[in-house]
N, C-alpha and C. Protein backbone atom coordinates (compact mmCIF):
# COMPACT_ATOMS: atom_id res chain seq x y z
N MET A 1 14.31 3.27 -17.50
CA MET A 1 13.49 3.06 -16.43
C MET A 1 12.80 4.55 -16.20
N PRO A 2 11.63 4.45 -16.04
CA PRO A 2 10.78 5.68 -15.73
C PRO A 2 11.07 6.12 -14.32
N HIS A 3 11.11 7.39 -14.19
CA HIS A 3 11.27 8.11 -12.94
C HIS A 3 9.88 8.62 -12.43
N TYR A 4 9.68 8.39 -11.27
CA TYR A 4 8.05 8.98 -10.94
C TYR A 4 8.51 10.04 -9.84
N SER A 5 7.64 11.12 -9.79
CA SER A 5 7.76 12.21 -8.61
C SER A 5 7.45 11.48 -7.51
N PRO A 6 7.92 12.22 -6.22
CA PRO A 6 7.64 11.76 -4.92
C PRO A 6 6.11 11.88 -4.63
N GLU A 7 5.43 13.10 -5.36
CA GLU A 7 3.85 13.22 -5.15
C GLU A 7 3.27 12.04 -5.88
N ARG A 8 3.58 11.58 -6.87
CA ARG A 8 2.80 10.52 -7.64
C ARG A 8 3.06 9.27 -6.75
N LYS A 9 4.21 9.04 -6.27
CA LYS A 9 4.65 7.68 -5.47
C LYS A 9 3.78 7.84 -4.14
N GLU A 10 3.74 8.82 -3.59
CA GLU A 10 2.97 8.80 -2.27
C GLU A 10 1.55 8.82 -2.67
N ALA A 11 0.94 9.30 -3.70
CA ALA A 11 -0.48 9.10 -4.01
C ALA A 11 -0.76 7.67 -4.39
N THR A 12 0.28 7.16 -5.08
CA THR A 12 -0.19 5.65 -5.49
C THR A 12 -0.04 4.74 -4.25
N LEU A 13 0.79 5.26 -3.23
CA LEU A 13 0.99 4.18 -1.89
C LEU A 13 -0.35 4.48 -1.06
N GLN A 14 -0.88 5.69 -1.20
CA GLN A 14 -2.12 5.98 -0.33
C GLN A 14 -3.26 5.25 -0.88
N LYS A 15 -3.17 4.56 -2.05
CA LYS A 15 -4.34 3.97 -2.84
C LYS A 15 -4.11 2.57 -2.43
N MET A 16 -3.06 2.20 -2.02
CA MET A 16 -2.89 0.80 -1.18
C MET A 16 -3.11 0.78 0.26
N ALA A 17 -3.29 1.68 0.79
CA ALA A 17 -3.63 1.72 2.25
C ALA A 17 -4.96 1.73 2.44
N PRO A 18 -5.57 1.57 3.62
CA PRO A 18 -7.00 1.57 3.91
C PRO A 18 -7.45 3.12 4.02
N PRO A 19 -8.61 3.40 3.58
CA PRO A 19 -9.71 2.64 3.21
C PRO A 19 -9.76 2.15 1.78
N HIS A 20 -8.88 2.48 0.82
CA HIS A 20 -8.96 2.13 -0.68
C HIS A 20 -8.43 0.77 -0.70
N SER A 21 -7.37 0.40 -0.07
CA SER A 21 -6.77 -1.06 0.01
C SER A 21 -6.78 -1.63 -1.38
N ARG A 22 -6.27 -0.93 -2.33
CA ARG A 22 -6.14 -1.49 -3.73
C ARG A 22 -5.10 -2.62 -3.87
N THR A 23 -5.08 -3.58 -4.55
CA THR A 23 -4.04 -4.57 -4.80
C THR A 23 -3.02 -3.88 -5.62
N VAL A 24 -1.78 -4.46 -5.68
CA VAL A 24 -0.66 -4.26 -6.49
C VAL A 24 -1.09 -4.13 -7.95
N ALA A 25 -1.61 -5.51 -8.20
CA ALA A 25 -2.05 -5.71 -9.61
C ALA A 25 -2.96 -4.89 -10.13
N LYS A 26 -3.94 -4.25 -9.38
CA LYS A 26 -4.99 -3.49 -9.92
C LYS A 26 -4.40 -2.14 -10.10
N LEU A 27 -3.43 -1.79 -9.12
CA LEU A 27 -2.80 -0.53 -9.43
C LEU A 27 -2.11 -0.30 -10.49
N ALA A 28 -1.16 -1.38 -10.81
CA ALA A 28 -0.38 -1.65 -11.68
C ALA A 28 -0.89 -1.20 -13.07
N ASN A 29 -2.10 -1.82 -13.11
CA ASN A 29 -3.02 -1.72 -14.45
C ASN A 29 -3.62 -0.35 -14.48
N GLN A 30 -4.02 0.33 -13.36
CA GLN A 30 -4.57 1.63 -13.51
C GLN A 30 -3.43 2.75 -13.60
N GLU A 31 -2.60 2.56 -13.07
CA GLU A 31 -1.45 3.69 -13.02
C GLU A 31 -0.31 3.44 -14.23
N GLY A 32 -0.37 2.47 -14.68
CA GLY A 32 0.67 2.07 -15.64
C GLY A 32 2.23 2.13 -15.17
N ILE A 33 2.13 1.49 -14.01
CA ILE A 33 3.53 1.25 -13.20
C ILE A 33 3.57 -0.13 -13.04
N SER A 34 4.91 -0.80 -13.09
CA SER A 34 5.05 -1.99 -12.87
C SER A 34 4.82 -2.61 -11.64
N THR A 35 4.50 -3.96 -11.56
CA THR A 35 4.21 -4.57 -10.26
C THR A 35 5.46 -4.57 -9.45
N ALA A 36 6.48 -4.80 -10.17
CA ALA A 36 7.72 -4.71 -9.15
C ALA A 36 8.20 -3.59 -8.65
N THR A 37 7.63 -2.56 -9.44
CA THR A 37 8.22 -1.11 -8.82
C THR A 37 7.18 -0.93 -7.56
N LEU A 38 5.87 -1.23 -7.74
CA LEU A 38 5.01 -1.10 -6.81
C LEU A 38 5.23 -2.02 -5.44
N TYR A 39 5.71 -3.20 -5.64
CA TYR A 39 6.16 -3.94 -4.53
C TYR A 39 7.34 -3.37 -3.85
N ASN A 40 8.27 -2.63 -4.54
CA ASN A 40 9.47 -2.06 -3.88
C ASN A 40 8.97 -0.82 -3.10
N TRP A 41 7.98 -0.24 -3.72
CA TRP A 41 7.57 1.06 -3.05
C TRP A 41 6.87 0.66 -1.70
N ARG A 42 6.19 -0.46 -1.81
CA ARG A 42 5.47 -0.79 -0.73
C ARG A 42 6.36 -1.41 0.47
N LYS A 43 7.16 -2.08 0.06
CA LYS A 43 8.24 -2.56 0.87
C LYS A 43 9.02 -1.55 1.51
N SER A 44 9.56 -0.49 0.88
CA SER A 44 10.12 0.61 1.37
C SER A 44 9.15 1.50 2.30
N ALA A 45 7.99 1.70 2.02
CA ALA A 45 6.87 2.45 2.85
C ALA A 45 6.82 1.56 4.16
N ARG A 46 6.75 0.48 3.99
CA ARG A 46 6.41 -0.56 5.37
C ARG A 46 7.63 -0.37 6.34
N LYS A 47 8.79 -0.28 5.71
CA LYS A 47 10.02 -0.02 6.67
C LYS A 47 9.88 1.18 7.16
N ARG A 48 9.32 2.13 6.88
CA ARG A 48 9.06 3.74 7.42
C ARG A 48 7.89 3.58 8.21
N GLY A 49 7.10 2.36 8.43
CA GLY A 49 6.18 2.42 9.27
C GLY A 49 4.68 2.58 8.58
N ALA A 50 4.54 2.53 7.40
CA ALA A 50 3.38 2.70 6.61
C ALA A 50 2.39 1.65 6.86
N VAL A 51 1.15 1.65 7.09
CA VAL A 51 0.07 0.42 7.10
C VAL A 51 -0.23 0.16 5.74
N LEU A 52 0.43 -0.76 5.17
CA LEU A 52 0.09 -1.28 3.83
C LEU A 52 -0.23 -2.81 3.67
N PRO A 53 -1.32 -3.16 3.73
CA PRO A 53 -1.76 -4.77 3.91
C PRO A 53 -1.11 -5.38 2.57
N SER A 54 -0.64 -6.69 3.06
CA SER A 54 0.03 -7.35 1.89
C SER A 54 -0.67 -8.34 0.87
N ASN A 55 -1.45 -9.05 1.52
CA ASN A 55 -2.17 -10.04 0.98
C ASN A 55 -3.41 -9.81 -0.04
N SER A 56 -4.11 -8.93 0.29
CA SER A 56 -5.33 -8.61 -0.50
C SER A 56 -5.94 -7.33 -0.11
N ALA A 57 -6.67 -6.80 -1.01
CA ALA A 57 -7.58 -5.56 -0.72
C ALA A 57 -8.42 -5.94 0.18
N SER A 58 -8.89 -7.23 0.39
CA SER A 58 -10.05 -7.91 1.15
C SER A 58 -9.26 -7.86 2.72
N PRO A 59 -10.06 -7.19 3.64
CA PRO A 59 -9.56 -7.30 5.20
C PRO A 59 -9.63 -8.57 5.69
N ASP A 60 -10.44 -9.48 5.37
CA ASP A 60 -10.51 -10.79 5.68
C ASP A 60 -9.31 -11.63 5.33
N LYS A 61 -8.42 -11.18 4.50
CA LYS A 61 -7.33 -11.99 4.17
C LYS A 61 -6.14 -11.29 4.69
N TRP A 62 -6.32 -10.23 5.45
CA TRP A 62 -5.07 -9.68 6.08
C TRP A 62 -4.50 -10.45 7.28
N SER A 63 -3.15 -10.43 7.45
CA SER A 63 -2.71 -10.93 8.73
C SER A 63 -3.24 -10.35 9.90
N SER A 64 -2.92 -11.10 11.00
CA SER A 64 -3.17 -10.41 12.38
C SER A 64 -2.67 -9.21 12.67
N GLU A 65 -1.29 -9.20 12.12
CA GLU A 65 -0.32 -8.17 12.49
C GLU A 65 -0.65 -6.96 11.65
N GLU A 66 -1.32 -7.17 10.40
CA GLU A 66 -1.78 -6.03 9.46
C GLU A 66 -2.92 -5.46 10.20
N LYS A 67 -3.88 -6.29 10.63
CA LYS A 67 -5.08 -5.80 11.23
C LYS A 67 -4.82 -4.92 12.49
N PHE A 68 -3.87 -5.38 13.22
CA PHE A 68 -3.54 -4.75 14.47
C PHE A 68 -2.92 -3.36 14.14
N ARG A 69 -1.92 -3.32 13.13
CA ARG A 69 -1.33 -2.04 12.72
C ARG A 69 -2.32 -1.08 12.31
N ILE A 70 -3.36 -1.59 11.50
CA ILE A 70 -4.49 -0.70 11.00
C ILE A 70 -5.44 -0.12 12.12
N VAL A 71 -5.66 -0.98 13.09
CA VAL A 71 -6.33 -0.49 14.20
C VAL A 71 -5.65 0.64 15.03
N LEU A 72 -4.30 0.24 15.30
CA LEU A 72 -3.43 1.41 15.90
C LEU A 72 -3.40 2.68 15.10
N GLU A 73 -3.32 2.56 13.83
CA GLU A 73 -3.39 3.73 13.05
C GLU A 73 -4.59 4.55 13.02
N ALA A 74 -5.65 3.91 13.12
CA ALA A 74 -7.07 4.46 13.01
C ALA A 74 -7.55 5.27 14.55
N ALA A 75 -6.84 4.51 15.69
CA ALA A 75 -7.30 4.84 16.93
C ALA A 75 -6.79 6.40 17.27
N PRO A 76 -7.85 7.04 17.89
CA PRO A 76 -7.60 8.40 18.20
C PRO A 76 -6.51 8.61 19.16
N ARG A 77 -5.84 9.74 18.92
CA ARG A 77 -4.68 9.86 19.74
C ARG A 77 -4.80 10.94 20.81
């Protein structure tokens, strides 16, 4: 089983987040990381509060909760 550096993991997770919003399948192909690994990373990141949409890279397919979390993340503080 390959080991990935924390830096690579975070960089890959950032590609899942808006504004990039790449799908797990696309990232798996681009990065050479299994989809299972990417799904596990996304699940763990969400538990830490990361805004990572689940259904699609397309915002029109995001759940209401995902859209709301993204708005909160982008709002000025």
